[in-house]
C-alpha atoms as a PDB file:
ATOM      1  CA  MET A   1     131.155  94.699  95.740  1.00  0.00           C
ATOM      2  CA  ASP A   2     127.228  96.613  96.888  1.00  0.00           C
ATOM      3  CA  PHE A   3     124.129  94.381  96.397  1.00  0.00           C
ATOM      4  CA  ILE A   4     121.498  95.456  94.405  1.00  0.00           C
ATOM      5  CA  PHE A   5     121.971  99.057  94.195  1.00  0.00           C
ATOM      6  CA  GLY A   6     123.831 100.115  96.694  1.00  0.00           C
ATOM      7  CA  PHE A   7     121.884  97.938  99.990  1.00  0.00           C
ATOM      8  CA  GLY A   8     123.939  95.198 101.172  1.00  0.00           C
ATOM      9  CA  ILE A   9     122.724  92.108 101.922  1.00  0.00           C
ATOM     10  CA  LEU A  10     121.590  92.426 105.009  1.00  0.00           C
ATOM     11  CA  SER A  11     119.726  95.649 104.505  1.00  0.00           C
ATOM     12  CA  VAL A  12     118.134  93.360 101.908  1.00  0.00           C
ATOM     13  CA  ILE A  13     117.366  90.715 104.354  1.00  0.00           C
ATOM     14  CA  GLY A  14     116.097  93.226 106.917  1.00  0.00           C
ATOM     15  CA  LEU A  15     113.805  94.240 104.428  1.00  0.00           C
ATOM     16  CA  ILE A  16     112.075  91.375 103.740  1.00  0.00           C
ATOM     17  CA  LEU A  17     112.174  90.118 107.117  1.00  0.00           C
ATOM     18  CA  SER A  18     110.255  93.276 107.872  1.00  0.00           C
ATOM     19  CA  ALA A  19     107.782  92.551 104.951  1.00  0.00           C
ATOM     20  CA  ILE A  20     107.351  89.530 106.432  1.00  0.00           C
ATOM     21  CA  VAL A  21     106.414  90.433 110.259  1.00  0.00           C
ATOM     22  CA  SER A  22     104.417  93.128 109.155  1.00  0.00           C
ATOM     23  CA  ILE A  23     102.066  91.023 106.177  1.00  0.00           C
ATOM     24  CA  PHE A  24     101.571  88.848 109.654  1.00  0.00           C
ATOM     25  CA  PHE A  25     100.386  91.207 111.932  1.00  0.00           C
ATOM     26  CA  PHE A  26      97.994  92.963 109.337  1.00  0.00           C
ATOM     27  CA  VAL A  27      96.305  89.339 108.961  1.00  0.00           C
ATOM     28  CA  PHE A  28      96.275  88.390 112.489  1.00  0.00           C
ATOM     29  CA  TRP A  29      94.498  92.304 113.320  1.00  0.00           C
ATOM     30  CA  ILE A  30      91.828  90.867 110.159  1.00  0.00           C
ATOM     31  CA  PHE A  31      91.483  87.828 111.942  1.00  0.00           C
ATOM     32  CA  MET A  32      90.735  89.594 115.420  1.00  0.00           C
ATOM     33  CA  ILE A  33      88.117  91.852 113.509  1.00  0.00           C
ATOM     34  CA  VAL A  34      86.758  89.055 111.897  1.00  0.00           C
ATOM     35  CA  ASP A  35      86.861  86.915 115.451  1.00  0.00           C
ATOM     36  CA  CYS A  36      85.006  89.800 117.114  1.00  0.00           C
ATOM     37  CA  VAL A  37      82.597  90.249 114.331  1.00  0.00           C
ATOM     38  CA  LYS A  38      81.249  86.464 114.756  1.00  0.00           C
ATOM     39  CA  ARG A  39      81.854  85.983 118.273  1.00  0.00           C
ATOM     40  CA  LYS A  40      78.862  86.076 120.369  1.00  0.00           C
ATOM     41  CA  PHE A  41      79.207  88.627 122.930  1.00  0.00           C
ATOM     42  CA  LYS A  42      76.855  89.326 126.403  1.00  0.00           C
ATOM     43  CA  ASN A  43      75.221  92.240 124.785  1.00  0.00           C
ATOM     44  CA  ASP A  44      76.120  93.970 121.627  1.00  0.00           C
ATOM     45  CA  THR A  45      77.811  97.188 122.888  1.00  0.00           C
ATOM     46  CA  GLU A  46      80.356  95.039 124.244  1.00  0.00           C
ATOM     47  CA  ARG A  47      81.428  93.926 120.932  1.00  0.00           C
ATOM     48  CA  ILE A  48      80.656  97.040 120.008  1.00  0.00           C
ATOM     49  CA  VAL A  49      83.627  98.677 121.807  1.00  0.00           C
ATOM     50  CA  TRP A  50      85.786  95.676 121.231  1.00  0.00           C
ATOM     51  CA  LEU A  51      85.372  96.215 118.052  1.00  0.00           C
ATOM     52  CA  LEU A  52      86.336  99.757 118.509  1.00  0.00           C
ATOM     53  CA  VAL A  53      89.251  98.904 120.035  1.00  0.00           C
ATOM     54  CA  VAL A  54      90.534  96.761 117.898  1.00  0.00           C
ATOM     55  CA  ILE A  55      89.848  98.892 114.666  1.00  0.00           C
ATOM     56  CA  PHE A  56      91.702 102.031 115.832  1.00  0.00           C
ATOM     57  CA  ALA A  57      94.089 100.910 118.541  1.00  0.00           C
ATOM     58  CA  GLY A  58      95.210  98.125 115.172  1.00  0.00           C
ATOM     59  CA  ILE A  59      97.767  95.665 116.378  1.00  0.00           C
ATOM     60  CA  VAL A  60      97.666  96.508 119.975  1.00  0.00           C
ATOM     61  CA  GLY A  61      94.321  96.239 120.075  1.00  0.00           C
ATOM     62  CA  ALA A  62      94.324  93.172 118.645  1.00  0.00           C
ATOM     63  CA  LEU A  63      96.913  91.700 121.037  1.00  0.00           C
ATOM     64  CA  ILE A  64      94.635  92.570 123.865  1.00  0.00           C
ATOM     65  CA  TYR A  65      91.550  91.677 122.504  1.00  0.00           C
ATOM     66  CA  TYR A  66      93.611  88.455 121.833  1.00  0.00           C
ATOM     67  CA  PHE A  67      94.931  87.435 124.864  1.00  0.00           C
ATOM     68  CA  VAL A  68      91.644  89.337 127.079  1.00  0.00           C
ATOM     69  CA  VAL A  69      88.845  88.093 124.768  1.00  0.00           C
ATOM     70  CA  LYS A  70      89.965  84.825 122.240  1.00  0.00           C
ATOM     71  CA  SER A  71      92.366  83.298 124.741  1.00  0.00           C
ATOM     72  CA  LYS A  72      89.594  83.781 127.968  1.00  0.00           C
ATOM     73  CA  LYS A  73      87.104  81.958 126.297  1.00  0.00           C
ATOM     74  CA  GLY A  74      89.202  79.131 124.573  1.00  0.00           C
ATOM     75  CA  LYS A  75      89.984  77.846 128.342  1.00  0.00           C
ATOM     76  CA  ARG A  76      86.513  77.691 129.254  1.00  0.00           C
ATOM     77  CA  ARG A  77      85.727  75.103 126.428  1.00  0.00           C
END
């Protein structure tokens, strides 16, 4: 018997998992924007460039920012 209007149980589970992953990536993207705005860079131009990369490249830009800037700054401490 079909579950919830013709969707199988695996389809429903897949939909829920994809929604959870999407929400996680959206929250991660927002955190990277906030970190970029608050972080002290050498100059304001560097901050603006990183902010534009994170905003316009989406999750890919946020991942690049995380691995290039955020994780590098954390190792110095």
